[in-house]
Protein backbone atom coordinates (compact mmCIF):
# COMPACT_ATOMS: atom_id res chain seq x y z
CA UNK A 1 -18.52 -63.53 34.81
CA UNK A 2 -17.33 -65.92 32.15
CA UNK A 3 -13.29 -67.03 31.89
CA UNK A 4 -11.11 -65.74 28.80
CA UNK A 5 -7.90 -67.02 27.35
CA UNK A 6 -4.81 -65.05 28.79
CA UNK A 7 -3.21 -64.21 25.40
CA UNK A 8 0.46 -64.20 25.14
CA UNK A 9 1.97 -65.75 27.99
CA UNK A 10 4.64 -68.73 27.72
CA UNK A 11 2.02 -71.24 28.19
CA UNK A 12 -1.35 -71.64 27.79
CA UNK A 13 -3.63 -70.69 30.29
CA UNK A 14 -7.38 -69.67 31.77
CA UNK A 15 -7.79 -66.68 33.87
CA UNK A 16 -10.94 -65.47 35.29
CA UNK A 17 -11.71 -61.94 34.87
CA UNK A 18 -9.96 -61.48 38.42
CA UNK A 19 -6.17 -60.92 38.43
CA UNK A 20 -4.15 -63.85 36.98
CA UNK A 21 -2.42 -65.51 40.38
CA UNK A 22 -0.22 -67.49 37.77
CA UNK A 23 1.89 -63.77 37.29
CA UNK A 24 2.19 -63.71 41.45
CA UNK A 25 5.13 -66.12 41.97
CA UNK A 26 7.46 -64.44 39.14
CA UNK A 27 6.08 -61.01 40.18
CA UNK A 28 7.10 -61.42 43.77
CA UNK A 29 10.55 -63.14 43.18
CA UNK A 30 11.24 -60.58 40.93
CA UNK A 31 10.67 -57.86 43.23
CA UNK A 32 12.34 -59.40 46.46
CA UNK A 33 16.42 -60.09 44.28
CA UNK A 34 16.73 -56.65 45.29
CA UNK A 35 15.96 -56.63 49.59
CA UNK A 36 17.34 -60.01 49.74
CA UNK A 37 20.75 -58.62 48.35
CA UNK A 38 20.47 -55.37 50.05
CA UNK A 39 19.51 -57.18 53.89
CA UNK A 40 21.35 -60.48 53.12
CA UNK A 41 24.71 -58.09 53.25
CA UNK A 42 24.04 -56.34 56.79
CA UNK A 43 25.74 -59.59 58.67
CA UNK A 44 28.34 -60.11 56.08
CA UNK A 45 29.90 -56.80 56.16
CA UNK A 46 32.21 -58.04 59.41
CA UNK A 47 33.34 -61.07 58.25
CA UNK A 48 34.02 -59.87 54.67
CA UNK A 49 36.10 -56.94 56.50
CA UNK A 50 38.34 -59.88 58.51
CA UNK A 51 38.86 -61.75 55.51
CA UNK A 52 39.61 -59.50 53.21
CA UNK A 53 41.38 -56.73 55.55
CA UNK A 54 39.12 -53.86 55.56
CA UNK A 55 37.48 -51.53 57.82
CA UNK A 56 33.81 -50.76 58.29
CA UNK A 57 34.57 -47.33 56.03
CA UNK A 58 35.46 -49.78 53.13
CA UNK A 59 32.94 -52.32 53.46
CA UNK A 60 30.16 -50.07 53.57
CA UNK A 61 31.18 -49.86 49.36
CA UNK A 62 29.48 -52.94 49.50
CA UNK A 63 26.46 -51.25 50.18
CA UNK A 64 26.55 -48.10 48.51
CA UNK A 65 27.73 -49.92 45.19
CA UNK A 66 24.10 -51.73 44.88
CA UNK A 67 22.34 -48.94 46.06
CA UNK A 68 23.99 -46.47 43.66
CA UNK A 69 23.70 -49.16 40.48
CA UNK A 70 20.06 -49.71 41.44
CA UNK A 71 19.06 -45.96 42.19
CA UNK A 72 19.80 -45.34 38.72
CA UNK A 73 18.75 -48.07 37.00
CA UNK A 74 15.06 -48.45 38.56
CA UNK A 75 13.56 -45.40 36.87
CA UNK A 76 15.40 -46.49 33.50
CA UNK A 77 14.07 -50.13 33.67
CA UNK A 78 11.06 -48.51 34.75
CA UNK A 79 10.63 -46.34 31.56
CA UNK A 80 11.52 -49.59 29.26
CA UNK A 81 8.75 -51.58 30.94
CA UNK A 82 6.34 -49.03 30.52
CA UNK A 83 7.00 -48.87 26.74
CA UNK A 84 7.66 -52.51 26.22
CA UNK A 85 6.11 -54.46 28.72
CA UNK A 86 7.70 -56.38 31.72
CA UNK A 87 9.12 -59.97 29.97
CA UNK A 88 11.99 -59.58 28.09
CA UNK A 89 13.37 -56.82 30.16
CA UNK A 90 12.58 -59.11 33.00
CA UNK A 91 14.80 -62.33 31.86
CA UNK A 92 17.81 -59.88 30.84
CA UNK A 93 17.62 -58.40 34.13
CA UNK A 94 17.33 -61.47 36.39
CA UNK A 95 20.22 -63.48 34.36
CA UNK A 96 22.47 -60.47 35.40
CA UNK A 97 21.53 -61.50 38.75
CA UNK A 98 22.84 -65.06 38.10
CA UNK A 99 25.88 -63.58 36.54
CA UNK A 100 26.62 -61.16 39.59
CA UNK A 101 26.10 -64.25 41.81
CA UNK A 102 28.99 -66.25 40.11
CA UNK A 103 31.48 -62.95 40.12
CA UNK A 104 30.67 -62.29 43.77
CA UNK A 105 31.26 -66.12 44.87
CA UNK A 106 34.52 -65.92 42.72
CA UNK A 107 36.09 -62.53 43.95
CA UNK A 108 39.52 -62.72 45.15
CA UNK A 109 39.33 -59.24 46.40
CA UNK A 110 37.12 -56.20 47.50
CA UNK A 111 37.36 -54.60 44.46
CA UNK A 112 35.91 -57.34 42.44
CA UNK A 113 33.19 -57.99 44.77
CA UNK A 114 31.80 -54.70 44.83
CA UNK A 115 31.60 -55.05 41.09
CA UNK A 116 29.89 -57.68 41.54
CA UNK A 117 27.23 -55.63 44.13
CA UNK A 118 27.24 -53.15 41.08
CA UNK A 119 25.82 -56.00 38.81
CA UNK A 120 23.32 -57.05 41.51
CA UNK A 121 22.25 -53.76 41.36
CA UNK A 122 21.52 -53.37 37.89
CA UNK A 123 20.08 -56.74 37.75
CA UNK A 124 17.60 -56.67 40.41
CA UNK A 125 16.09 -53.04 38.36
CA UNK A 126 13.34 -54.80 36.69
CA UNK A 127 11.56 -56.73 39.67
CA UNK A 128 9.63 -54.48 41.25
CA UNK A 129 8.60 -51.98 38.25
CA UNK A 130 7.44 -54.94 36.45
CA UNK A 131 5.14 -56.00 39.19
CA UNK A 132 3.63 -52.93 39.49
CA UNK A 133 3.44 -52.70 35.59
CA UNK A 134 1.35 -56.21 35.56
CA UNK A 135 -1.04 -55.20 38.67
CA UNK A 136 -1.58 -52.01 36.40
CA UNK A 137 -2.20 -54.17 32.99
CA UNK A 138 -4.10 -56.64 34.76
CA UNK A 139 -6.42 -53.78 36.01
CA UNK A 140 -6.77 -52.44 32.50
CA UNK A 141 -7.42 -55.88 31.16
CA UNK A 142 -10.01 -57.18 33.76
CA UNK A 143 -11.71 -53.43 34.27
CA UNK A 144 -11.56 -54.03 37.97
CA UNK A 145 -8.70 -52.03 39.59
CA UNK A 146 -9.35 -53.71 43.21
CA UNK A 147 -5.24 -54.05 43.60
CA UNK A 148 -5.55 -54.13 47.14
CA UNK A 149 -4.68 -57.86 47.87
CA UNK A 150 -1.82 -58.00 45.13
CA UNK A 151 -0.19 -55.13 46.28
CA UNK A 152 0.03 -56.34 49.91
CA UNK A 153 1.21 -59.84 48.36
CA UNK A 154 4.05 -57.88 46.96
CA UNK A 155 4.80 -55.41 50.30
CA UNK A 156 4.63 -58.76 52.45
CA UNK A 157 7.04 -60.56 50.36
CA UNK A 158 9.44 -57.85 50.67
CA UNK A 159 9.04 -57.15 54.36
CA UNK A 160 9.48 -60.88 54.70
CA UNK A 161 12.51 -60.62 52.73
CA UNK A 162 14.14 -57.80 53.90
CA UNK A 163 13.94 -59.08 57.61
CA UNK A 164 14.62 -62.82 57.20
CA UNK A 165 17.47 -61.51 54.93
CA UNK A 166 20.00 -61.08 57.95
CA UNK A 167 18.86 -64.25 59.45
CA UNK A 168 19.45 -66.05 56.15
CA UNK A 169 22.94 -64.64 55.64
CA UNK A 170 23.86 -65.88 59.26
CA UNK A 171 22.79 -68.88 58.64
CA UNK A 172 24.63 -69.35 54.97
CA UNK A 173 27.78 -67.93 56.49
CA UNK A 174 27.73 -70.61 59.46
CA UNK A 175 27.49 -73.53 56.55
CA UNK A 176 29.36 -71.80 54.01
CA UNK A 177 31.28 -68.75 54.85
CA UNK A 178 30.35 -65.13 53.65
CA UNK A 179 30.73 -66.29 49.60
CA UNK A 180 27.74 -68.80 49.77
CA UNK A 181 25.47 -65.36 50.55
CA UNK A 182 26.71 -64.48 47.06
CA UNK A 183 26.24 -67.60 45.38
CA UNK A 184 22.50 -67.77 46.73
CA UNK A 185 22.00 -65.61 43.29
CA UNK A 186 22.37 -68.29 41.08
CA UNK A 187 19.46 -70.60 42.02
CA UNK A 188 17.32 -67.90 42.39
CA UNK A 189 18.14 -65.82 39.04
CA UNK A 190 17.85 -69.50 37.32
CA UNK A 191 14.10 -70.15 38.93
CA UNK A 192 13.20 -66.41 38.21
CA UNK A 193 14.29 -67.10 34.29
CA UNK A 194 12.12 -69.92 34.40
CA UNK A 195 8.94 -68.19 35.94
CA UNK A 196 9.21 -65.36 33.74
CA UNK A 197 9.70 -67.57 30.41
CA UNK A 198 6.53 -69.63 31.65
CA UNK A 199 4.26 -67.04 32.84
CA UNK A 200 4.99 -63.70 31.95
CA UNK A 201 2.86 -61.99 29.36
CA UNK A 202 4.76 -61.50 25.97
CA UNK A 203 3.31 -58.41 25.73
CA UNK A 204 1.82 -56.69 28.48
CA UNK A 205 2.72 -52.71 28.88
CA UNK A 206 0.62 -49.94 30.87
CA UNK A 207 -0.98 -48.33 28.29
CA UNK A 208 1.62 -46.50 26.11
CA UNK A 209 1.96 -47.57 23.02
CA UNK A 210 5.80 -46.94 21.48
CA UNK A 211 5.28 -44.12 19.01
CA UNK A 212 6.88 -44.45 15.54
CA UNK A 213 10.60 -43.29 15.15
CA UNK A 214 13.92 -44.25 16.19
CA UNK A 215 14.78 -46.22 19.71
CA UNK A 216 16.71 -43.25 21.03
CA UNK A 217 13.66 -40.58 20.74
CA UNK A 218 11.36 -43.05 22.14
CA UNK A 219 13.63 -43.38 24.85
CA UNK A 220 15.25 -40.04 25.48
CA UNK A 221 18.52 -41.09 25.48
CA UNK A 222 20.47 -37.77 26.46
CA UNK A 223 17.54 -37.64 29.51
CA UNK A 224 18.94 -40.41 30.51
CA UNK A 225 22.30 -39.63 30.49
CA UNK A 226 22.00 -36.27 32.21
CA UNK A 227 19.86 -38.06 34.68
CA UNK A 228 22.84 -40.59 35.42
CA UNK A 229 25.12 -37.74 35.62
CA UNK A 230 23.19 -36.05 38.45
CA UNK A 231 22.37 -38.96 40.39
CA UNK A 232 25.59 -40.36 40.46
CA UNK A 233 27.64 -37.47 41.32
CA UNK A 234 24.81 -36.78 43.92
CA UNK A 235 25.34 -40.64 45.70
CA UNK A 236 29.31 -40.38 45.29
CA UNK A 237 28.90 -36.92 47.43
CA UNK A 238 26.83 -39.03 50.01
CA UNK A 239 28.60 -42.06 50.00
CA UNK A 240 31.91 -39.94 51.68
CA UNK A 241 30.72 -36.39 52.79
CA UNK A 242 33.70 -34.13 53.06
CA UNK A 243 34.17 -30.41 51.64
CA UNK A 244 37.21 -31.73 49.14
CA UNK A 245 34.42 -33.19 46.90
CA UNK A 246 32.87 -29.63 46.25
CA UNK A 247 32.72 -30.42 42.76
CA UNK A 248 30.49 -33.35 42.86
CA UNK A 249 27.29 -30.75 44.26
CA UNK A 250 28.37 -28.47 41.55
CA UNK A 251 28.32 -31.19 38.84
CA UNK A 252 24.75 -32.27 40.38
CA UNK A 253 23.39 -28.87 40.61
CA UNK A 254 24.78 -28.42 36.30
CA UNK A 255 23.33 -31.78 35.65
CA UNK A 256 20.15 -30.85 37.21
CA UNK A 257 19.65 -27.36 35.68
CA UNK A 258 20.47 -29.32 32.26
CA UNK A 259 18.19 -32.26 32.98
CA UNK A 260 15.32 -29.99 33.79
CA UNK A 261 15.47 -28.09 30.43
CA UNK A 262 15.88 -31.58 28.19
CA UNK A 263 12.91 -33.06 29.86
CA UNK A 264 10.82 -29.69 29.40
CA UNK A 265 11.66 -29.64 25.84
CA UNK A 266 12.09 -33.24 24.81
CA UNK A 267 9.01 -34.46 22.58
CA UNK A 268 9.16 -38.14 24.92
CA UNK A 269 10.72 -37.26 28.09
CA UNK A 270 12.41 -39.84 30.24
CA UNK A 271 10.68 -38.34 33.07
CA UNK A 272 8.04 -35.98 32.38
CA UNK A 273 8.78 -32.78 34.97
CA UNK A 274 5.46 -31.11 33.78
CA UNK A 275 2.88 -33.97 35.00
CA UNK A 276 5.83 -34.60 37.53
CA UNK A 277 5.87 -30.97 38.93
CA UNK A 278 1.71 -30.91 39.04
CA UNK A 279 1.57 -34.02 41.04
CA UNK A 280 1.99 -32.18 44.53
CA UNK A 281 0.72 -35.76 46.30
CA UNK A 282 3.19 -37.64 44.42
CA UNK A 283 5.71 -35.19 45.24
CA UNK A 284 5.24 -35.52 48.78
CA UNK A 285 5.27 -39.43 48.71
CA UNK A 286 8.99 -39.09 47.16
CA UNK A 287 9.91 -37.17 49.82
CA UNK A 288 9.03 -39.07 52.96
CA UNK A 289 9.99 -42.55 51.23
CA UNK A 290 13.40 -40.70 51.19
CA UNK A 291 13.42 -40.01 54.82
CA UNK A 292 11.68 -43.38 55.67
CA UNK A 293 14.31 -45.15 54.31
CA UNK A 294 17.02 -43.27 56.11
CA UNK A 295 15.44 -44.73 59.22
CA UNK A 296 15.07 -48.07 57.93
CA UNK A 297 18.13 -48.78 56.56
CA UNK A 298 20.44 -47.17 59.00
CA UNK A 299 18.74 -49.40 61.52
CA UNK A 300 19.66 -52.45 59.20
CA UNK A 301 23.09 -51.84 58.73
CA UNK A 302 23.95 -49.86 61.72
CA UNK A 303 22.35 -51.88 64.33
CA UNK A 304 22.83 -54.96 62.92
CA UNK A 305 26.86 -54.41 62.85
CA UNK A 306 26.49 -53.30 66.46
CA UNK A 307 24.72 -56.61 67.68
CA UNK A 308 28.14 -58.04 66.27
CA UNK A 309 31.30 -56.00 67.25
CA UNK A 310 29.69 -53.70 70.12
CA UNK A 311 27.20 -56.33 71.29
CA UNK A 312 29.42 -59.15 70.77
CA UNK A 313 26.73 -61.97 68.71
CA UNK A 314 27.74 -64.21 65.76
CA UNK A 315 26.15 -63.07 62.25
CA UNK A 316 23.73 -65.80 62.70
CA UNK A 317 22.46 -64.34 65.95
CA UNK A 318 22.69 -61.16 65.03
CA UNK A 319 20.20 -61.87 62.20
CA UNK A 320 17.86 -63.91 64.65
CA UNK A 321 17.53 -61.02 66.96
CA UNK A 322 15.68 -59.21 64.10
CA UNK A 323 13.02 -62.14 63.64
CA UNK A 324 10.62 -60.42 66.13
CA UNK A 325 10.78 -57.62 63.55
CA UNK A 326 9.49 -59.69 60.79
CA UNK A 327 6.60 -61.08 62.39
CA UNK A 328 5.47 -57.81 63.82
CA UNK A 329 5.48 -56.07 60.23
CA UNK A 330 4.04 -59.63 58.59
CA UNK A 331 1.15 -59.15 60.92
CA UNK A 332 0.80 -55.36 60.52
CA UNK A 333 0.82 -55.58 56.68
CA UNK A 334 -1.62 -58.34 56.33
CA UNK A 335 -3.98 -56.79 58.96
CA UNK A 336 -3.97 -53.38 57.56
CA UNK A 337 -3.10 -54.30 53.85
CA UNK A 338 -6.74 -53.92 52.45
CA UNK A 339 -8.02 -50.88 54.27
CA UNK A 340 -8.05 -48.19 52.64
CA UNK A 341 -6.31 -44.50 53.33
CA UNK A 342 -2.93 -44.20 54.01
CA UNK A 343 -2.58 -41.25 56.40
CA UNK A 344 -3.36 -42.90 59.80
CA UNK A 345 -0.47 -46.04 58.51
CA UNK A 346 2.08 -42.97 57.88
CA UNK A 347 1.73 -41.42 60.99
CA UNK A 348 1.69 -44.54 63.00
CA UNK A 349 4.93 -45.99 61.48
CA UNK A 350 6.27 -42.60 62.13
CA UNK A 351 5.54 -42.56 65.51
CA UNK A 352 7.33 -46.20 65.98
CA UNK A 353 10.57 -45.23 64.22
CA UNK A 354 10.73 -42.37 67.02
CA UNK A 355 9.98 -44.96 70.00
CA UNK A 356 12.09 -47.25 68.35
CA UNK A 357 15.17 -44.61 68.19
CA UNK A 358 14.53 -43.64 71.86
CA UNK A 359 15.26 -46.92 72.76
CA UNK A 360 18.42 -47.17 70.94
CA UNK A 361 19.76 -44.57 72.79
CA UNK A 362 19.41 -46.17 76.09
CA UNK A 363 21.40 -49.28 74.70
CA UNK A 364 25.07 -50.22 75.88
CA UNK A 365 27.20 -53.56 75.79
CA UNK A 366 25.85 -54.63 78.85
CA UNK A 367 22.05 -54.37 77.94
CA UNK A 368 20.29 -57.47 78.30
CA UNK A 369 19.55 -59.10 75.32
CA UNK A 370 15.73 -58.59 75.68
CA UNK A 371 15.96 -54.73 75.12
CA UNK A 372 17.57 -55.93 71.53
CA UNK A 373 14.72 -57.85 70.69
CA UNK A 374 12.40 -54.75 72.19
CA UNK A 375 13.73 -52.40 69.76
CA UNK A 376 12.99 -55.12 66.27
CA UNK A 377 9.48 -55.57 67.95
CA UNK A 378 9.06 -51.53 67.87
CA UNK A 379 10.37 -51.45 64.32
CA UNK A 380 8.43 -54.07 63.06
CA UNK A 381 5.75 -51.67 62.98
CA UNK A 382 7.11 -49.12 60.51
CA UNK A 383 8.53 -51.35 58.59
CA UNK A 384 4.91 -52.99 57.95
CA UNK A 385 3.20 -49.84 57.70
CA UNK A 386 5.36 -47.13 55.97
CA UNK A 387 6.70 -49.22 52.85
CA UNK A 388 2.88 -50.78 52.01
CA UNK A 389 2.10 -47.18 52.66
CA UNK A 390 3.83 -45.49 50.16
CA UNK A 391 3.57 -48.20 47.44
CA UNK A 392 -0.06 -47.88 47.66
CA UNK A 393 0.34 -44.01 47.15
CA UNK A 394 2.67 -43.69 44.22
CA UNK A 395 0.21 -46.45 42.75
CA UNK A 396 -3.11 -44.24 42.49
CA UNK A 397 -1.12 -40.92 42.58
CA UNK A 398 1.14 -41.89 39.52
CA UNK A 399 0.16 -41.44 35.60
CA UNK A 400 -1.46 -44.89 34.98
CA UNK A 401 0.80 -45.04 31.92
CA UNK A 402 3.97 -44.57 33.84
CA UNK A 403 3.30 -46.66 36.52
CA UNK A 404 6.54 -48.56 36.30
CA UNK A 405 8.86 -45.94 35.56
CA UNK A 406 6.77 -43.89 38.85
CA UNK A 407 7.59 -47.10 40.81
CA UNK A 408 10.96 -47.19 39.92
CA UNK A 409 11.35 -43.25 40.87
CA UNK A 410 9.81 -44.52 44.51
CA UNK A 411 12.81 -46.83 44.86
CA UNK A 412 15.32 -44.33 43.74
CA UNK A 413 14.12 -42.18 46.27
CA UNK A 414 14.39 -44.90 48.78
CA UNK A 415 17.76 -45.73 47.62
CA UNK A 416 18.96 -42.49 48.08
CA UNK A 417 17.83 -42.71 51.36
CA UNK A 418 19.62 -45.63 51.61
CA UNK A 419 23.10 -43.99 50.54
CA UNK A 420 22.58 -41.50 53.58
CA UNK A 421 22.23 -44.19 55.79
CA UNK A 422 25.03 -46.00 54.45
CA UNK A 423 27.48 -42.62 54.63
CA UNK A 424 25.86 -41.97 58.50
CA UNK A 425 26.51 -45.38 59.76
CA UNK A 426 30.07 -45.73 58.32
CA UNK A 427 31.02 -41.75 59.27
CA UNK A 428 29.30 -42.88 63.06
CA UNK A 429 31.62 -45.83 63.34
CA UNK A 430 34.85 -45.02 61.32
CA UNK A 431 36.99 -48.01 62.19
CA UNK A 432 34.91 -50.07 64.63
CA UNK A 433 30.96 -50.56 65.16
CA UNK A 434 31.19 -49.54 68.77
CA UNK A 435 28.35 -48.24 71.30
CA UNK A 436 29.36 -44.63 70.73
CA UNK A 437 28.84 -44.76 66.87
CA UNK A 438 25.48 -46.43 67.60
CA UNK A 439 23.97 -43.67 69.58
CA UNK A 440 25.52 -41.33 67.53
CA UNK A 441 23.43 -42.88 64.61
CA UNK A 442 20.28 -43.25 66.54
CA UNK A 443 20.11 -39.31 67.10
CA UNK A 444 20.47 -39.10 63.08
CA UNK A 445 18.21 -41.60 62.82
CA UNK A 446 15.93 -40.14 65.53
CA UNK A 447 15.78 -36.36 63.58
CA UNK A 448 15.02 -38.02 60.35
CA UNK A 449 11.61 -39.95 62.30
CA UNK A 450 10.72 -36.49 63.63
CA UNK A 451 10.88 -34.68 60.10
CA UNK A 452 9.28 -37.48 58.53
CA UNK A 453 6.17 -37.77 60.89
CA UNK A 454 6.03 -33.70 60.08
CA UNK A 455 5.86 -34.33 56.94
CA UNK A 456 3.06 -36.65 57.31
CA UNK A 457 0.86 -34.41 59.72
CA UNK A 458 1.38 -31.19 57.69
CA UNK A 459 0.93 -32.43 54.28
CA UNK A 460 -2.71 -31.49 53.53
CA UNK A 461 -2.81 -33.44 49.79
CA UNK A 462 -2.51 -36.80 51.53
CA UNK A 463 -4.84 -39.33 50.83
CA UNK A 464 -6.98 -37.51 48.12
CA UNK A 465 -5.34 -39.75 45.16
CA UNK A 466 -5.45 -42.62 46.98
CA UNK A 467 -9.24 -42.25 48.05
CA UNK A 468 -10.43 -40.95 44.69
CA UNK A 469 -8.41 -44.07 42.69
CA UNK A 470 -9.93 -46.51 45.20
CA UNK A 471 -13.24 -45.62 45.42
CA UNK A 472 -13.70 -44.94 41.08
CA UNK A 473 -12.52 -48.19 40.91
CA UNK A 474 -9.96 -46.99 38.28
CA UNK A 475 -6.71 -45.97 38.63
CA UNK A 476 -6.81 -41.91 38.75
CA UNK A 477 -3.69 -39.73 37.56
CA UNK A 478 -4.30 -35.97 39.90
């Protein structure tokens, strides 16, 4: 095939009819800004608590604040990207990451530190939806929908950062204290903005053109507001489960009903409930994502805190213990990334979660270090399989014109799972991350792992959309 010039990029470039590889650096860096901040905090919770005099039940808000902001911001940002393209939103969002890094580095107390995590949450919202939108727009430009290698690269990048985060956090704490983990965001944001300016196309949506009329009508601001009320009230309740907060689920229910009425009547809905409601495979994928990330993040935050307080490792060594998970996850993703179908990946991933949780129940403060490494090795299997299979499922199961917003919703369900995990870890540990609390958490994780496996085994729709989209040579909307 002949070469063609890629129009509208930040610089002059020539791209073949295949995927423009110049897009990969900003895509991958933007998409990992969230997982690096999600995971690096795992080893900083104890040092921050010691420095600011806060127990685990209060420092857990550093985790919850980021996910509260991101769970809300991801689908909103995804919808904006679907309409207007990724470039401007990517640049604004990643710039906010740098601002949040400065605020966190200089924070005088826990309250300001939590505020910086909220800014980080909103700042990291554009990276992943923008990357998925670019994959879709490149498929449309080239007429070749073969994103297996690109989607695998995104998954591997996120998994690499997700598992290296604790190790990097421990290293930074050793070199410059916990504040250096927030300062890291300043150079990362600067590089992301520079790459976005140079390489992202000035116009690249997923096929849906903005309709004429007021901007508010195009964006469905009332729908976004009701979605925010629904999600915020739900997540605030999940952060601290207690009967005295009965009014929060009541607000969630009322906001959900109002949101459904609004979206079914809106000419350009924020979330097209009619299409989404008829897309059973996509809904099932979202449900699996929620349960899978309860297990994954409970391990990341809960197990890591226990290795520091209950087992006595330093932050650096607590991160080092998770290196085997990094190696296994990357290897599994690379080997299985280009293979069609997701059912087998999800089943093996579910079995891996169950096995790892069972081993966690045998651990004590006197266990040999190799048993901690064994848990990390086993967790590497679902880490490498689940996120890749869920990401690929959403790509092929979603409406091509709403790829970014569908990807954003995947992250939202994942963040709801992380909020459940954070709340569960805080409730299990209380004032100290001891072995009894870790075992309590492991039982909850085991139950979630079994539910995940059942949701996969008994899902008759699983794989239909992915196989159709892969074999047909173009994304298919069920």
